[in-house]
C-alpha atoms as a PDB file:
ATOM      1  CA  MET A   1     -30.823 130.071  87.154  1.00  0.00           C
ATOM      2  CA  ALA A   2     -34.370 129.383  88.309  1.00  0.00           C
ATOM      3  CA  ASN A   3     -37.067 132.011  88.156  1.00  0.00           C
ATOM      4  CA  VAL A   4     -37.965 132.560  91.825  1.00  0.00           C
ATOM      5  CA  GLN A   5     -41.269 134.134  92.765  1.00  0.00           C
ATOM      6  CA  LEU A   6     -41.395 135.946  96.101  1.00  0.00           C
ATOM      7  CA  THR A   7     -44.439 137.044  98.021  1.00  0.00           C
ATOM      8  CA  SER A   8     -44.921 140.667  98.995  1.00  0.00           C
ATOM      9  CA  GLU A   9     -44.016 139.781 102.565  1.00  0.00           C
ATOM     10  CA  GLN A  10     -40.791 138.098 101.474  1.00  0.00           C
ATOM     11  CA  LEU A  11     -39.847 141.107  99.354  1.00  0.00           C
ATOM     12  CA  VAL A  12     -40.466 143.502 102.248  1.00  0.00           C
ATOM     13  CA  LYS A  13     -38.388 141.302 104.589  1.00  0.00           C
ATOM     14  CA  ALA A  14     -35.531 141.163 102.067  1.00  0.00           C
ATOM     15  CA  TYR A  15     -35.653 144.937 101.532  1.00  0.00           C
ATOM     16  CA  ARG A  16     -35.552 145.615 105.278  1.00  0.00           C
ATOM     17  CA  SER A  17     -32.618 143.240 105.639  1.00  0.00           C
ATOM     18  CA  VAL A  18     -30.688 144.968 102.853  1.00  0.00           C
ATOM     19  CA  CYS A  19     -31.415 148.372 104.424  1.00  0.00           C
ATOM     20  CA  SER A  20     -30.192 147.180 107.855  1.00  0.00           C
ATOM     21  CA  ILE A  21     -27.001 145.790 106.363  1.00  0.00           C
ATOM     22  CA  ARG A  22     -26.348 148.995 104.433  1.00  0.00           C
ATOM     23  CA  LYS A  23     -27.066 151.174 107.486  1.00  0.00           C
ATOM     24  CA  PHE A  24     -24.680 149.084 109.586  1.00  0.00           C
ATOM     25  CA  GLY A  25     -21.909 149.413 106.999  1.00  0.00           C
ATOM     26  CA  GLU A  26     -22.372 153.160 106.756  1.00  0.00           C
ATOM     27  CA  ARG A  27     -22.274 153.511 110.553  1.00  0.00           C
ATOM     28  CA  VAL A  28     -19.102 151.434 110.862  1.00  0.00           C
ATOM     29  CA  HIS A  29     -17.453 153.507 108.134  1.00  0.00           C
ATOM     30  CA  LYS A  30     -18.421 156.747 109.881  1.00  0.00           C
ATOM     31  CA  GLU A  31     -17.268 155.538 113.321  1.00  0.00           C
ATOM     32  CA  PHE A  32     -13.950 154.357 111.861  1.00  0.00           C
ATOM     33  CA  THR A  33     -13.417 157.608 109.971  1.00  0.00           C
ATOM     34  CA  ILE A  34     -13.858 159.749 113.099  1.00  0.00           C
ATOM     35  CA  GLY A  35     -11.620 157.478 115.170  1.00  0.00           C
ATOM     36  CA  GLN A  36     -14.245 155.735 117.284  1.00  0.00           C
ATOM     37  CA  ILE A  37     -13.139 152.310 116.023  1.00  0.00           C
ATOM     38  CA  ARG A  38      -9.461 151.469 116.277  1.00  0.00           C
ATOM     39  CA  GLY A  39      -7.540 149.107 114.079  1.00  0.00           C
ATOM     40  CA  PHE A  40      -8.591 148.051 110.617  1.00  0.00           C
ATOM     41  CA  VAL A  41     -12.110 147.986 109.241  1.00  0.00           C
ATOM     42  CA  HIS A  42     -12.825 145.893 106.176  1.00  0.00           C
ATOM     43  CA  LEU A  43     -16.441 146.524 105.265  1.00  0.00           C
ATOM     44  CA  TYR A  44     -16.604 144.466 102.112  1.00  0.00           C
ATOM     45  CA  ALA A  45     -14.629 142.894  99.333  1.00  0.00           C
ATOM     46  CA  SER A  46     -16.298 143.014  95.962  1.00  0.00           C
ATOM     47  CA  THR A  47     -19.975 142.240  96.646  1.00  0.00           C
ATOM     48  CA  HIS A  48     -19.413 140.172  99.810  1.00  0.00           C
ATOM     49  CA  ARG A  49     -20.088 141.756 103.175  1.00  0.00           C
ATOM     50  CA  GLY A  50     -19.111 139.423 106.006  1.00  0.00           C
ATOM     51  CA  HIS A  51     -21.266 141.164 108.607  1.00  0.00           C
ATOM     52  CA  CYS A  52     -24.383 140.501 106.520  1.00  0.00           C
ATOM     53  CA  HIS A  53     -24.729 136.956 107.802  1.00  0.00           C
ATOM     54  CA  SER A  54     -24.833 138.073 111.432  1.00  0.00           C
ATOM     55  CA  ILE A  55     -27.305 140.860 110.773  1.00  0.00           C
ATOM     56  CA  GLU A  56     -29.521 138.580 108.710  1.00  0.00           C
ATOM     57  CA  GLU A  57     -29.602 136.083 111.592  1.00  0.00           C
ATOM     58  CA  GLY A  58     -30.845 138.769 113.945  1.00  0.00           C
ATOM     59  CA  ALA A  59     -27.784 140.461 115.451  1.00  0.00           C
ATOM     60  CA  GLU A  60     -28.410 144.021 116.574  1.00  0.00           C
ATOM     61  CA  SER A  61     -27.226 146.479 113.932  1.00  0.00           C
END
């Protein structure tokens, strides 16, 4: 694996992205738990979170 160097700006952007993804997952879990979302909610399997791609591309979280 290559040693990748990130700028401060890139690190801040990555951190904000991770926080948005986490916040979204927590909100979905809460909404599902209280019955606001019907059906089945699958937030993640292992370390993969399918909604991450949409959020990373700019979808509202």
